[in-house]
Amino acid sequence: MAQREAAKVFVRQVKPLLSLDQIEAQRRVRNLYRAWYRQIPIIVHDFHIPKTEKQCYAKLREEFDKHKDVKDIRLIDMLIIKGQMELKEIVNKWKQECHLMMYFKDTVEPKPKDFLSKFMSGSD
């Protein structure tokens, strides 16, 4: 019984990835957003994607808004690291146009189930 109560009192301290507090994490997110924002005109010019800068800015905002409700600092740091990796891959041209266009891909449509829908879509 004493061990159970001792376990309740013990709180595990986790080591932060990058940020020590919420304010520092927010600063890192803003810096990542600015880096992406500054890079968009160069990306559009270098990769010749069929999107305008305005559309790319809107997509950037949408991608950041996906994670606006995340409060865990370690998770925010992980997302920042992934965002920095993506940006570096694009800047170094390790990614190609098709990889960039995947950001603009709409949600996947479900496969047709009935005979007529399969026939009209041209699938088996």
PDB file of N, CA and C in Angstrom:
ATOM      1  N   MET A   1       0.818  -1.189   0.000  1.00  0.00           N
ATOM      2  CA  MET A   1       0.000   0.000   0.000  1.00  0.00           C
ATOM      3  C   MET A   1       0.862   1.253   0.000  1.00  0.00           C
ATOM      4  N   ALA A   2       1.962   1.199   0.732  1.00  0.00           N
ATOM      5  CA  ALA A   2       2.848   2.360   0.816  1.00  0.00           C
ATOM      6  C   ALA A   2       3.499   2.643  -0.540  1.00  0.00           C
ATOM      7  N   GLN A   3       3.783   1.589  -1.289  1.00  0.00           N
ATOM      8  CA  GLN A   3       4.387   1.767  -2.607  1.00  0.00           C
ATOM      9  C   GLN A   3       3.419   2.446  -3.570  1.00  0.00           C
ATOM     10  N   ARG A   4       2.148   2.089  -3.462  1.00  0.00           N
ATOM     11  CA  ARG A   4       1.138   2.679  -4.340  1.00  0.00           C
ATOM     12  C   ARG A   4       1.029   4.190  -4.105  1.00  0.00           C
ATOM     13  N   GLU A   5       1.025   4.593  -2.847  1.00  0.00           N
ATOM     14  CA  GLU A   5       0.932   6.015  -2.518  1.00  0.00           C
ATOM     15  C   GLU A   5       2.204   6.743  -2.932  1.00  0.00           C
ATOM     16  N   ALA A   6       3.332   6.080  -2.793  1.00  0.00           N
ATOM     17  CA  ALA A   6       4.594   6.697  -3.208  1.00  0.00           C
ATOM     18  C   ALA A   6       4.609   6.899  -4.720  1.00  0.00           C
ATOM     19  N   ALA A   7       3.996   5.964  -5.438  1.00  0.00           N
ATOM     20  CA  ALA A   7       3.925   6.093  -6.893  1.00  0.00           C
ATOM     21  C   ALA A   7       3.017   7.240  -7.296  1.00  0.00           C
ATOM     22  N   LYS A   8       1.973   7.487  -6.536  1.00  0.00           N
ATOM     23  CA  LYS A   8       1.073   8.596  -6.834  1.00  0.00           C
ATOM     24  C   LYS A   8       1.762   9.942  -6.635  1.00  0.00           C
ATOM     25  N   VAL A   9       2.610  10.022  -5.635  1.00  0.00           N
ATOM     26  CA  VAL A   9       3.294  11.274  -5.328  1.00  0.00           C
ATOM     27  C   VAL A   9       4.365  11.573  -6.376  1.00  0.00           C
ATOM     28  N   PHE A  10       5.018  10.543  -6.869  1.00  0.00           N
ATOM     29  CA  PHE A  10       6.099  10.706  -7.824  1.00  0.00           C
ATOM     30  C   PHE A  10       5.542  11.228  -9.152  1.00  0.00           C
ATOM     31  N   VAL A  11       6.089  12.322  -9.627  1.00  0.00           N
ATOM     32  CA  VAL A  11       5.693  12.894 -10.912  1.00  0.00           C
ATOM     33  C   VAL A  11       6.903  12.845 -11.824  1.00  0.00           C
ATOM     34  N   ARG A  12       6.735  12.263 -12.966  1.00  0.00           N
ATOM     35  CA  ARG A  12       7.844  12.093 -13.898  1.00  0.00           C
ATOM     36  C   ARG A  12       8.148  13.406 -14.605  1.00  0.00           C
ATOM     37  N   GLN A  13       9.384  13.813 -14.549  1.00  0.00           N
ATOM     38  CA  GLN A  13       9.825  15.005 -15.254  1.00  0.00           C
ATOM     39  C   GLN A  13      10.431  14.566 -16.582  1.00  0.00           C
ATOM     40  N   VAL A  14       9.934  15.133 -17.675  1.00  0.00           N
ATOM     41  CA  VAL A  14      10.440  14.779 -18.991  1.00  0.00           C
ATOM     42  C   VAL A  14      11.381  15.869 -19.461  1.00  0.00           C
ATOM     43  N   LYS A  15      12.364  15.462 -20.215  1.00  0.00           N
ATOM     44  CA  LYS A  15      13.351  16.393 -20.733  1.00  0.00           C
ATOM     45  C   LYS A  15      12.771  17.090 -21.962  1.00  0.00           C
ATOM     46  N   PRO A  16      12.845  18.413 -22.028  1.00  0.00           N
ATOM     47  CA  PRO A  16      12.303  19.109 -23.187  1.00  0.00           C
ATOM     48  C   PRO A  16      13.145  18.856 -24.436  1.00  0.00           C
ATOM     49  N   LEU A  17      12.492  18.873 -25.590  1.00  0.00           N
ATOM     50  CA  LEU A  17      13.217  18.695 -26.849  1.00  0.00           C
ATOM     51  C   LEU A  17      13.977  19.964 -27.201  1.00  0.00           C
ATOM     52  N   LEU A  18      13.269  21.072 -27.340  1.00  0.00           N
ATOM     53  CA  LEU A  18      13.892  22.351 -27.677  1.00  0.00           C
ATOM     54  C   LEU A  18      13.503  23.441 -26.690  1.00  0.00           C
ATOM     55  N   SER A  19      12.212  23.614 -26.508  1.00  0.00           N
ATOM     56  CA  SER A  19      11.686  24.733 -25.728  1.00  0.00           C
ATOM     57  C   SER A  19      11.540  24.375 -24.261  1.00  0.00           C
ATOM     58  N   LEU A  20      11.803  25.360 -23.421  1.00  0.00           N
ATOM     59  CA  LEU A  20      11.662  25.152 -21.987  1.00  0.00           C
ATOM     60  C   LEU A  20      10.291  25.545 -21.477  1.00  0.00           C
ATOM     61  N   ASP A  21       9.615  26.470 -22.186  1.00  0.00           N
ATOM     62  CA  ASP A  21       8.287  26.894 -21.770  1.00  0.00           C
ATOM     63  C   ASP A  21       7.442  27.229 -22.998  1.00  0.00           C
ATOM     64  N   GLN A  22       6.182  27.562 -22.748  1.00  0.00           N
ATOM     65  CA  GLN A  22       5.218  27.826 -23.820  1.00  0.00           C
ATOM     66  C   GLN A  22       5.610  29.048 -24.655  1.00  0.00           C
ATOM     67  N   ILE A  23       6.154  30.063 -24.020  1.00  0.00           N
ATOM     68  CA  ILE A  23       6.527  31.291 -24.732  1.00  0.00           C
ATOM     69  C   ILE A  23       7.647  31.012 -25.729  1.00  0.00           C
ATOM     70  N   GLU A  24       8.628  30.231 -25.322  1.00  0.00           N
ATOM     71  CA  GLU A  24       9.720  29.890 -26.221  1.00  0.00           C
ATOM     72  C   GLU A  24       9.226  29.028 -27.382  1.00  0.00           C
ATOM     73  N   ALA A  25       8.297  28.132 -27.118  1.00  0.00           N
ATOM     74  CA  ALA A  25       7.720  27.300 -28.178  1.00  0.00           C
ATOM     75  C   ALA A  25       6.966  28.164 -29.189  1.00  0.00           C
ATOM     76  N   GLN A  26       6.203  29.131 -28.695  1.00  0.00           N
ATOM     77  CA  GLN A  26       5.482  30.034 -29.600  1.00  0.00           C
ATOM     78  C   GLN A  26       6.447  30.845 -30.454  1.00  0.00           C
ATOM     79  N   ARG A  27       7.548  31.266 -29.861  1.00  0.00           N
ATOM     80  CA  ARG A  27       8.545  32.021 -30.622  1.00  0.00           C
ATOM     81  C   ARG A  27       9.137  31.158 -31.729  1.00  0.00           C
ATOM     82  N   ARG A  28       9.400  29.904 -31.422  1.00  0.00           N
ATOM     83  CA  ARG A  28       9.945  28.994 -32.435  1.00  0.00           C
ATOM     84  C   ARG A  28       8.933  28.751 -33.565  1.00  0.00           C
ATOM     85  N   VAL A  29       7.669  28.639 -33.221  1.00  0.00           N
ATOM     86  CA  VAL A  29       6.628  28.449 -34.244  1.00  0.00           C
ATOM     87  C   VAL A  29       6.572  29.667 -35.161  1.00  0.00           C
ATOM     88  N   ARG A  30       6.592  30.860 -34.571  1.00  0.00           N
ATOM     89  CA  ARG A  30       6.567  32.087 -35.387  1.00  0.00           C
ATOM     90  C   ARG A  30       7.789  32.184 -36.296  1.00  0.00           C
ATOM     91  N   ASN A  31       8.951  31.816 -35.778  1.00  0.00           N
ATOM     92  CA  ASN A  31      10.166  31.851 -36.601  1.00  0.00           C
ATOM     93  C   ASN A  31      10.086  30.860 -37.760  1.00  0.00           C
ATOM     94  N   LEU A  32       9.535  29.679 -37.498  1.00  0.00           N
ATOM     95  CA  LEU A  32       9.369  28.698 -38.571  1.00  0.00           C
ATOM     96  C   LEU A  32       8.384  29.205 -39.615  1.00  0.00           C
ATOM     97  N   TYR A  33       7.292  29.816 -39.170  1.00  0.00           N
ATOM     98  CA  TYR A  33       6.300  30.367 -40.099  1.00  0.00           C
ATOM     99  C   TYR A  33       6.935  31.455 -40.968  1.00  0.00           C
ATOM    100  N   ARG A  34       7.718  32.317 -40.358  1.00  0.00           N
ATOM    101  CA  ARG A  34       8.388  33.385 -41.120  1.00  0.00           C
ATOM    102  C   ARG A  34       9.368  32.811 -42.134  1.00  0.00           C
ATOM    103  N   ALA A  35      10.099  31.768 -41.739  1.00  0.00           N
ATOM    104  CA  ALA A  35      11.053  31.148 -42.661  1.00  0.00           C
ATOM    105  C   ALA A  35      10.331  30.568 -43.875  1.00  0.00           C
ATOM    106  N   TRP A  36       9.224  29.856 -43.634  1.00  0.00           N
ATOM    107  CA  TRP A  36       8.433  29.319 -44.738  1.00  0.00           C
ATOM    108  C   TRP A  36       7.878  30.453 -45.596  1.00  0.00           C
ATOM    109  N   TYR A  37       7.370  31.502 -44.948  1.00  0.00           N
ATOM    110  CA  TYR A  37       6.745  32.621 -45.655  1.00  0.00           C
ATOM    111  C   TYR A  37       7.757  33.309 -46.572  1.00  0.00           C
ATOM    112  N   ARG A  38       8.966  33.482 -46.090  1.00  0.00           N
ATOM    113  CA  ARG A  38      10.012  34.114 -46.910  1.00  0.00           C
ATOM    114  C   ARG A  38      10.461  33.219 -48.059  1.00  0.00           C
ATOM    115  N   GLN A  39      10.342  31.928 -47.884  1.00  0.00           N
ATOM    116  CA  GLN A  39      10.838  30.990 -48.890  1.00  0.00           C
ATOM    117  C   GLN A  39       9.828  30.726 -50.003  1.00  0.00           C
ATOM    118  N   ILE A  40       8.562  31.041 -49.792  1.00  0.00           N
ATOM    119  CA  ILE A  40       7.525  30.715 -50.776  1.00  0.00           C
ATOM    120  C   ILE A  40       7.780  31.328 -52.157  1.00  0.00           C
ATOM    121  N   PRO A  41       8.129  32.610 -52.288  1.00  0.00           N
ATOM    122  CA  PRO A  41       8.382  33.133 -53.639  1.00  0.00           C
ATOM    123  C   PRO A  41       9.506  32.391 -54.366  1.00  0.00           C
ATOM    124  N   ILE A  42      10.521  31.997 -53.638  1.00  0.00           N
ATOM    125  CA  ILE A  42      11.641  31.259 -54.239  1.00  0.00           C
ATOM    126  C   ILE A  42      11.180  29.861 -54.643  1.00  0.00           C
ATOM    127  N   ILE A  43      10.372  29.233 -53.809  1.00  0.00           N
ATOM    128  CA  ILE A  43       9.865  27.900 -54.110  1.00  0.00           C
ATOM    129  C   ILE A  43       9.009  27.930 -55.373  1.00  0.00           C
ATOM    130  N   VAL A  44       8.111  28.899 -55.459  1.00  0.00           N
ATOM    131  CA  VAL A  44       7.225  28.995 -56.631  1.00  0.00           C
ATOM    132  C   VAL A  44       8.047  29.228 -57.891  1.00  0.00           C
ATOM    133  N   HIS A  45       9.076  30.046 -57.802  1.00  0.00           N
ATOM    134  CA  HIS A  45       9.903  30.348 -58.974  1.00  0.00           C
ATOM    135  C   HIS A  45      10.778  29.167 -59.380  1.00  0.00           C
ATOM    136  N   ASP A  46      11.421  28.538 -58.409  1.00  0.00           N
ATOM    137  CA  ASP A  46      12.362  27.456 -58.709  1.00  0.00           C
ATOM    138  C   ASP A  46      11.685  26.172 -59.157  1.00  0.00           C
ATOM    139  N   PHE A  47      10.547  25.854 -58.565  1.00  0.00           N
ATOM    140  CA  PHE A  47       9.919  24.567 -58.849  1.00  0.00           C
ATOM    141  C   PHE A  47       8.886  24.631 -59.961  1.00  0.00           C
ATOM    142  N   HIS A  48       8.504  25.814 -60.387  1.00  0.00           N
ATOM    143  CA  HIS A  48       7.520  25.992 -61.464  1.00  0.00           C
ATOM    144  C   HIS A  48       6.232  25.220 -61.184  1.00  0.00           C
ATOM    145  N   ILE A  49       5.749  25.304 -59.969  1.00  0.00           N
ATOM    146  CA  ILE A  49       4.501  24.638 -59.638  1.00  0.00           C
ATOM    147  C   ILE A  49       3.334  25.470 -60.160  1.00  0.00           C
ATOM    148  N   PRO A  50       2.230  24.830 -60.525  1.00  0.00           N
ATOM    149  CA  PRO A  50       1.085  25.569 -61.106  1.00  0.00           C
ATOM    150  C   PRO A  50       0.227  26.248 -60.032  1.00  0.00           C
ATOM    151  N   LYS A  51       0.856  26.879 -59.083  1.00  0.00           N
ATOM    152  CA  LYS A  51       0.155  27.597 -58.017  1.00  0.00           C
ATOM    153  C   LYS A  51       0.763  28.985 -57.899  1.00  0.00           C
ATOM    154  N   THR A  52      -0.067  29.936 -57.506  1.00  0.00           N
ATOM    155  CA  THR A  52       0.419  31.295 -57.306  1.00  0.00           C
ATOM    156  C   THR A  52       0.979  31.421 -55.884  1.00  0.00           C
ATOM    157  N   GLU A  53       1.688  32.508 -55.668  1.00  0.00           N
ATOM    158  CA  GLU A  53       2.222  32.746 -54.329  1.00  0.00           C
ATOM    159  C   GLU A  53       1.091  32.898 -53.325  1.00  0.00           C
ATOM    160  N   LYS A  54       0.021  33.534 -53.748  1.00  0.00           N
ATOM    161  CA  LYS A  54      -1.117  33.737 -52.851  1.00  0.00           C
ATOM    162  C   LYS A  54      -1.714  32.401 -52.414  1.00  0.00           C
ATOM    163  N   GLN A  55      -1.837  31.461 -53.341  1.00  0.00           N
ATOM    164  CA  GLN A  55      -2.353  30.134 -53.002  1.00  0.00           C
ATOM    165  C   GLN A  55      -1.399  29.406 -52.048  1.00  0.00           C
ATOM    166  N   CYS A  56      -0.109  29.592 -52.260  1.00  0.00           N
ATOM    167  CA  CYS A  56       0.876  28.947 -51.392  1.00  0.00           C
ATOM    168  C   CYS A  56       0.844  29.546 -49.985  1.00  0.00           C
ATOM    169  N   TYR A  57       0.669  30.866 -49.890  1.00  0.00           N
ATOM    170  CA  TYR A  57       0.549  31.496 -48.575  1.00  0.00           C
ATOM    171  C   TYR A  57      -0.691  30.970 -47.849  1.00  0.00           C
ATOM    172  N   ALA A  58      -1.784  30.805 -48.583  1.00  0.00           N
ATOM    173  CA  ALA A  58      -3.013  30.288 -47.976  1.00  0.00           C
ATOM    174  C   ALA A  58      -2.813  28.849 -47.497  1.00  0.00           C
ATOM    175  N   LYS A  59      -2.108  28.045 -48.279  1.00  0.00           N
ATOM    176  CA  LYS A  59      -1.852  26.653 -47.889  1.00  0.00           C
ATOM    177  C   LYS A  59      -0.925  26.602 -46.670  1.00  0.00           C
ATOM    178  N   LEU A  60       0.056  27.495 -46.620  1.00  0.00           N
ATOM    179  CA  LEU A  60       0.945  27.565 -45.466  1.00  0.00           C
ATOM    180  C   LEU A  60       0.148  27.872 -44.211  1.00  0.00           C
ATOM    181  N   ARG A  61      -0.736  28.836 -44.311  1.00  0.00           N
ATOM    182  CA  ARG A  61      -1.580  29.206 -43.169  1.00  0.00           C
ATOM    183  C   ARG A  61      -2.454  28.024 -42.745  1.00  0.00           C
ATOM    184  N   GLU A  62      -3.001  27.318 -43.738  1.00  0.00           N
ATOM    185  CA  GLU A  62      -3.855  26.158 -43.449  1.00  0.00           C
ATOM    186  C   GLU A  62      -3.069  25.061 -42.727  1.00  0.00           C
ATOM    187  N   GLU A  63      -1.847  24.817 -43.174  1.00  0.00           N
ATOM    188  CA  GLU A  63      -1.033  23.776 -42.552  1.00  0.00           C
ATOM    189  C   GLU A  63      -0.689  24.133 -41.102  1.00  0.00           C
ATOM    190  N   PHE A  64      -0.413  25.413 -40.845  1.00  0.00           N
ATOM    191  CA  PHE A  64      -0.116  25.820 -39.469  1.00  0.00           C
ATOM    192  C   PHE A  64      -1.385  25.810 -38.621  1.00  0.00           C
ATOM    193  N   ASP A  65      -2.523  26.147 -39.208  1.00  0.00           N
ATOM    194  CA  ASP A  65      -3.780  26.152 -38.454  1.00  0.00           C
ATOM    195  C   ASP A  65      -4.230  24.754 -38.058  1.00  0.00           C
ATOM    196  N   LYS A  66      -3.759  23.729 -38.765  1.00  0.00           N
ATOM    197  CA  LYS A  66      -4.110  22.353 -38.405  1.00  0.00           C
ATOM    198  C   LYS A  66      -3.704  22.040 -36.965  1.00  0.00           C
ATOM    199  N   HIS A  67      -2.594  22.627 -36.542  1.00  0.00           N
ATOM    200  CA  HIS A  67      -2.029  22.290 -35.234  1.00  0.00           C
ATOM    201  C   HIS A  67      -2.125  23.442 -34.250  1.00  0.00           C
ATOM    202  N   LYS A  68      -3.075  24.333 -34.448  1.00  0.00           N
ATOM    203  CA  LYS A  68      -3.160  25.504 -33.574  1.00  0.00           C
ATOM    204  C   LYS A  68      -3.611  25.155 -32.153  1.00  0.00           C
ATOM    205  N   ASP A  69      -4.265  24.033 -31.960  1.00  0.00           N
ATOM    206  CA  ASP A  69      -4.768  23.668 -30.638  1.00  0.00           C
ATOM    207  C   ASP A  69      -3.797  22.808 -29.830  1.00  0.00           C
ATOM    208  N   VAL A  70      -2.621  22.538 -30.371  1.00  0.00           N
ATOM    209  CA  VAL A  70      -1.642  21.714 -29.665  1.00  0.00           C
ATOM    210  C   VAL A  70      -1.040  22.533 -28.524  1.00  0.00           C
ATOM    211  N   LYS A  71      -1.075  21.988 -27.324  1.00  0.00           N
ATOM    212  CA  LYS A  71      -0.573  22.691 -26.140  1.00  0.00           C
ATOM    213  C   LYS A  71       0.666  22.033 -25.530  1.00  0.00           C
ATOM    214  N   ASP A  72       0.900  20.772 -25.835  1.00  0.00           N
ATOM    215  CA  ASP A  72       2.041  20.049 -25.279  1.00  0.00           C
ATOM    216  C   ASP A  72       3.336  20.573 -25.896  1.00  0.00           C
ATOM    217  N   ILE A  73       4.243  21.036 -25.063  1.00  0.00           N
ATOM    218  CA  ILE A  73       5.473  21.666 -25.551  1.00  0.00           C
ATOM    219  C   ILE A  73       6.337  20.675 -26.324  1.00  0.00           C
ATOM    220  N   ARG A  74       6.413  19.446 -25.854  1.00  0.00           N
ATOM    221  CA  ARG A  74       7.223  18.445 -26.563  1.00  0.00           C
ATOM    222  C   ARG A  74       6.643  18.148 -27.944  1.00  0.00           C
ATOM    223  N   LEU A  75       5.325  18.102 -28.059  1.00  0.00           N
ATOM    224  CA  LEU A  75       4.689  17.869 -29.346  1.00  0.00           C
ATOM    225  C   LEU A  75       4.895  19.063 -30.277  1.00  0.00           C
ATOM    226  N   ILE A  76       4.809  20.260 -29.738  1.00  0.00           N
ATOM    227  CA  ILE A  76       5.066  21.464 -30.539  1.00  0.00           C
ATOM    228  C   ILE A  76       6.499  21.435 -31.059  1.00  0.00           C
ATOM    229  N   ASP A  77       7.436  21.084 -30.199  1.00  0.00           N
ATOM    230  CA  ASP A  77       8.837  21.007 -30.613  1.00  0.00           C
ATOM    231  C   ASP A  77       9.040  19.962 -31.706  1.00  0.00           C
ATOM    232  N   MET A  78       8.365  18.827 -31.571  1.00  0.00           N
ATOM    233  CA  MET A  78       8.480  17.793 -32.597  1.00  0.00           C
ATOM    234  C   MET A  78       7.948  18.295 -33.932  1.00  0.00           C
ATOM    235  N   LEU A  79       6.817  19.008 -33.918  1.00  0.00           N
ATOM    236  CA  LEU A  79       6.260  19.551 -35.148  1.00  0.00           C
ATOM    237  C   LEU A  79       7.176  20.616 -35.747  1.00  0.00           C
ATOM    238  N   ILE A  80       7.824  21.399 -34.895  1.00  0.00           N
ATOM    239  CA  ILE A  80       8.773  22.410 -35.376  1.00  0.00           C
ATOM    240  C   ILE A  80       9.949  21.729 -36.064  1.00  0.00           C
ATOM    241  N   ILE A  81      10.461  20.679 -35.459  1.00  0.00           N
ATOM    242  CA  ILE A  81      11.587  19.952 -36.055  1.00  0.00           C
ATOM    243  C   ILE A  81      11.190  19.377 -37.410  1.00  0.00           C
ATOM    244  N   LYS A  82      10.000  18.799 -37.500  1.00  0.00           N
ATOM    245  CA  LYS A  82       9.531  18.251 -38.780  1.00  0.00           C
ATOM    246  C   LYS A  82       9.364  19.358 -39.823  1.00  0.00           C
ATOM    247  N   GLY A  83       8.835  20.506 -39.388  1.00  0.00           N
ATOM    248  CA  GLY A  83       8.671  21.627 -40.312  1.00  0.00           C
ATOM    249  C   GLY A  83      10.000  22.150 -40.821  1.00  0.00           C
ATOM    250  N   GLN A  84      11.001  22.198 -39.943  1.00  0.00           N
ATOM    251  CA  GLN A  84      12.332  22.632 -40.358  1.00  0.00           C
ATOM    252  C   GLN A  84      12.955  21.638 -41.324  1.00  0.00           C
ATOM    253  N   MET A  85      12.730  20.358 -41.076  1.00  0.00           N
ATOM    254  CA  MET A  85      13.255  19.332 -41.983  1.00  0.00           C
ATOM    255  C   MET A  85      12.618  19.454 -43.360  1.00  0.00           C
ATOM    256  N   GLU A  86      11.300  19.650 -43.401  1.00  0.00           N
ATOM    257  CA  GLU A  86      10.593  19.808 -44.678  1.00  0.00           C
ATOM    258  C   GLU A  86      11.134  21.010 -45.442  1.00  0.00           C
ATOM    259  N   LEU A  87      11.308  22.122 -44.738  1.00  0.00           N
ATOM    260  CA  LEU A  87      11.814  23.336 -45.382  1.00  0.00           C
ATOM    261  C   LEU A  87      13.225  23.120 -45.921  1.00  0.00           C
ATOM    262  N   LYS A  88      14.064  22.471 -45.160  1.00  0.00           N
ATOM    263  CA  LYS A  88      15.429  22.210 -45.607  1.00  0.00           C
ATOM    264  C   LYS A  88      15.451  21.310 -46.834  1.00  0.00           C
ATOM    265  N   GLU A  89      14.584  20.295 -46.852  1.00  0.00           N
ATOM    266  CA  GLU A  89      14.515  19.402 -48.002  1.00  0.00           C
ATOM    267  C   GLU A  89      14.074  20.139 -49.257  1.00  0.00           C
ATOM    268  N   ILE A  90      13.153  21.072 -49.090  1.00  0.00           N
ATOM    269  CA  ILE A  90      12.674  21.830 -50.250  1.00  0.00           C
ATOM    270  C   ILE A  90      13.728  22.826 -50.719  1.00  0.00           C
ATOM    271  N   VAL A  91      14.364  23.517 -49.788  1.00  0.00           N
ATOM    272  CA  VAL A  91      15.387  24.499 -50.150  1.00  0.00           C
ATOM    273  C   VAL A  91      16.567  23.831 -50.841  1.00  0.00           C
ATOM    274  N   ASN A  92      16.968  22.682 -50.367  1.00  0.00           N
ATOM    275  CA  ASN A  92      18.087  21.958 -50.978  1.00  0.00           C
ATOM    276  C   ASN A  92      17.674  21.176 -52.218  1.00  0.00           C
ATOM    277  N   LYS A  93      16.401  21.252 -52.562  1.00  0.00           N
ATOM    278  CA  LYS A  93      15.827  20.576 -53.728  1.00  0.00           C
ATOM    279  C   LYS A  93      15.971  19.063 -53.637  1.00  0.00           C
ATOM    280  N   TRP A  94      15.850  18.555 -52.423  1.00  0.00           N
ATOM    281  CA  TRP A  94      15.805  17.117 -52.233  1.00  0.00           C
ATOM    282  C   TRP A  94      14.407  16.609 -52.526  1.00  0.00           C
ATOM    283  N   LYS A  95      13.452  17.507 -52.515  1.00  0.00           N
ATOM    284  CA  LYS A  95      12.077  17.170 -52.893  1.00  0.00           C
ATOM    285  C   LYS A  95      11.840  17.708 -54.292  1.00  0.00           C
ATOM    286  N   GLN A  96      10.904  17.082 -54.990  1.00  0.00           N
ATOM    287  CA  GLN A  96      10.588  17.504 -56.345  1.00  0.00           C
ATOM    288  C   GLN A  96       9.199  18.115 -56.380  1.00  0.00           C
ATOM    289  N   GLU A  97       8.796  18.560 -57.581  1.00  0.00           N
ATOM    290  CA  GLU A  97       7.503  19.221 -57.739  1.00  0.00           C
ATOM    291  C   GLU A  97       6.355  18.347 -57.268  1.00  0.00           C
ATOM    292  N   CYS A  98       6.420  17.069 -57.562  1.00  0.00           N
ATOM    293  CA  CYS A  98       5.324  16.172 -57.166  1.00  0.00           C
ATOM    294  C   CYS A  98       5.172  16.121 -55.651  1.00  0.00           C
ATOM    295  N   HIS A  99       6.276  16.222 -54.932  1.00  0.00           N
ATOM    296  CA  HIS A  99       6.197  16.209 -53.470  1.00  0.00           C
ATOM    297  C   HIS A  99       5.559  17.490 -52.953  1.00  0.00           C
ATOM    298  N   LEU A 100       5.858  18.609 -53.609  1.00  0.00           N
ATOM    299  CA  LEU A 100       5.237  19.875 -53.203  1.00  0.00           C
ATOM    300  C   LEU A 100       3.741  19.872 -53.501  1.00  0.00           C
ATOM    301  N   MET A 101       3.363  19.294 -54.615  1.00  0.00           N
ATOM    302  CA  MET A 101       1.956  19.279 -55.002  1.00  0.00           C
ATOM    303  C   MET A 101       1.130  18.375 -54.092  1.00  0.00           C
ATOM    304  N   MET A 102       1.779  17.483 -53.355  1.00  0.00           N
ATOM    305  CA  MET A 102       1.043  16.637 -52.403  1.00  0.00           C
ATOM    306  C   MET A 102       0.413  17.474 -51.295  1.00  0.00           C
ATOM    307  N   TYR A 103       0.979  18.652 -50.990  1.00  0.00           N
ATOM    308  CA  TYR A 103       0.373  19.525 -49.994  1.00  0.00           C
ATOM    309  C   TYR A 103      -0.975  20.052 -50.476  1.00  0.00           C
ATOM    310  N   PHE A 104      -1.135  20.177 -51.782  1.00  0.00           N
ATOM    311  CA  PHE A 104      -2.365  20.720 -52.350  1.00  0.00           C
ATOM    312  C   PHE A 104      -3.372  19.641 -52.702  1.00  0.00           C
ATOM    313  N   LYS A 105      -3.012  18.393 -52.452  1.00  0.00           N
ATOM    314  CA  LYS A 105      -3.908  17.283 -52.770  1.00  0.00           C
ATOM    315  C   LYS A 105      -5.121  17.324 -51.848  1.00  0.00           C
ATOM    316  N   ASP A 106      -6.292  17.197 -52.443  1.00  0.00           N
ATOM    317  CA  ASP A 106      -7.513  17.161 -51.653  1.00  0.00           C
ATOM    318  C   ASP A 106      -7.603  15.835 -50.921  1.00  0.00           C
ATOM    319  N   THR A 107      -8.593  15.727 -50.108  1.00  0.00           N
ATOM    320  CA  THR A 107      -8.778  14.477 -49.390  1.00  0.00           C
ATOM    321  C   THR A 107      -9.040  13.345 -50.376  1.00  0.00           C
ATOM    322  N   VAL A 108      -8.677  12.166 -50.008  1.00  0.00           N
ATOM    323  CA  VAL A 108      -8.832  11.008 -50.874  1.00  0.00           C
ATOM    324  C   VAL A 108     -10.304  10.636 -50.955  1.00  0.00           C
ATOM    325  N   GLU A 109     -10.780  10.486 -52.178  1.00  0.00           N
ATOM    326  CA  GLU A 109     -12.178  10.102 -52.363  1.00  0.00           C
ATOM    327  C   GLU A 109     -12.319   8.606 -52.109  1.00  0.00           C
ATOM    328  N   PRO A 110     -13.393   8.185 -51.461  1.00  0.00           N
ATOM    329  CA  PRO A 110     -13.581   6.758 -51.229  1.00  0.00           C
ATOM    330  C   PRO A 110     -13.841   6.028 -52.544  1.00  0.00           C
ATOM    331  N   LYS A 111     -13.386   4.786 -52.592  1.00  0.00           N
ATOM    332  CA  LYS A 111     -13.581   3.988 -53.795  1.00  0.00           C
ATOM    333  C   LYS A 111     -15.053   3.642 -53.947  1.00  0.00           C
ATOM    334  N   PRO A 112     -15.537   3.592 -55.192  1.00  0.00           N
ATOM    335  CA  PRO A 112     -16.954   3.254 -55.408  1.00  0.00           C
ATOM    336  C   PRO A 112     -17.251   1.822 -54.969  1.00  0.00           C
ATOM    337  N   LYS A 113     -18.450   1.621 -54.450  1.00  0.00           N
ATOM    338  CA  LYS A 113     -18.845   0.316 -53.925  1.00  0.00           C
ATOM    339  C   LYS A 113     -19.792  -0.434 -54.867  1.00  0.00           C
ATOM    340  N   ASP A 114     -20.742   0.277 -55.470  1.00  0.00           N
ATOM    341  CA  ASP A 114     -21.729  -0.422 -56.294  1.00  0.00           C
ATOM    342  C   ASP A 114     -21.246  -0.541 -57.738  1.00  0.00           C
ATOM    343  N   PHE A 115     -21.937  -1.385 -58.514  1.00  0.00           N
ATOM    344  CA  PHE A 115     -21.527  -1.713 -59.871  1.00  0.00           C
ATOM    345  C   PHE A 115     -21.506  -0.489 -60.777  1.00  0.00           C
ATOM    346  N   LEU A 116     -22.565   0.310 -60.757  1.00  0.00           N
ATOM    347  CA  LEU A 116     -22.662   1.443 -61.664  1.00  0.00           C
ATOM    348  C   LEU A 116     -21.578   2.488 -61.377  1.00  0.00           C
ATOM    349  N   SER A 117     -21.294   2.741 -60.128  1.00  0.00           N
ATOM    350  CA  SER A 117     -20.261   3.709 -59.776  1.00  0.00           C
ATOM    351  C   SER A 117     -18.877   3.214 -60.202  1.00  0.00           C
ATOM    352  N   LYS A 118     -18.622   1.914 -60.032  1.00  0.00           N
ATOM    353  CA  LYS A 118     -17.363   1.328 -60.485  1.00  0.00           C
ATOM    354  C   LYS A 118     -17.231   1.436 -61.993  1.00  0.00           C
ATOM    355  N   PHE A 119     -18.342   1.173 -62.695  1.00  0.00           N
ATOM    356  CA  PHE A 119     -18.331   1.235 -64.148  1.00  0.00           C
ATOM    357  C   PHE A 119     -18.054   2.656 -64.630  1.00  0.00           C
ATOM    358  N   MET A 120     -18.694   3.645 -63.998  1.00  0.00           N
ATOM    359  CA  MET A 120     -18.534   5.028 -64.413  1.00  0.00           C
ATOM    360  C   MET A 120     -17.140   5.570 -64.109  1.00  0.00           C
ATOM    361  N   SER A 121     -16.525   5.079 -63.027  1.00  0.00           N
ATOM    362  CA  SER A 121     -15.196   5.570 -62.683  1.00  0.00           C
ATOM    363  C   SER A 121     -14.109   4.834 -63.464  1.00  0.00           C
ATOM    364  N   GLY A 122     -14.440   3.725 -64.085  1.00  0.00           N
ATOM    365  CA  GLY A 122     -13.491   2.984 -64.890  1.00  0.00           C
ATOM    366  C   GLY A 122     -12.646   2.010 -64.096  1.00  0.00           C
ATOM    367  N   SER A 123     -13.029   1.728 -62.862  1.00  0.00           N
ATOM    368  CA  SER A 123     -12.273   0.765 -62.070  1.00  0.00           C
ATOM    369  C   SER A 123     -12.961  -0.593 -62.139  1.00  0.00           C
ATOM    370  N   ASP A 124     -12.284  -1.611 -61.649  1.00  0.00           N
ATOM    371  CA  ASP A 124     -12.821  -2.981 -61.714  1.00  0.00           C
ATOM    372  C   ASP A 124     -14.074  -3.130 -60.898  1.00  0.00           C
TER     373      ASP A 124
END
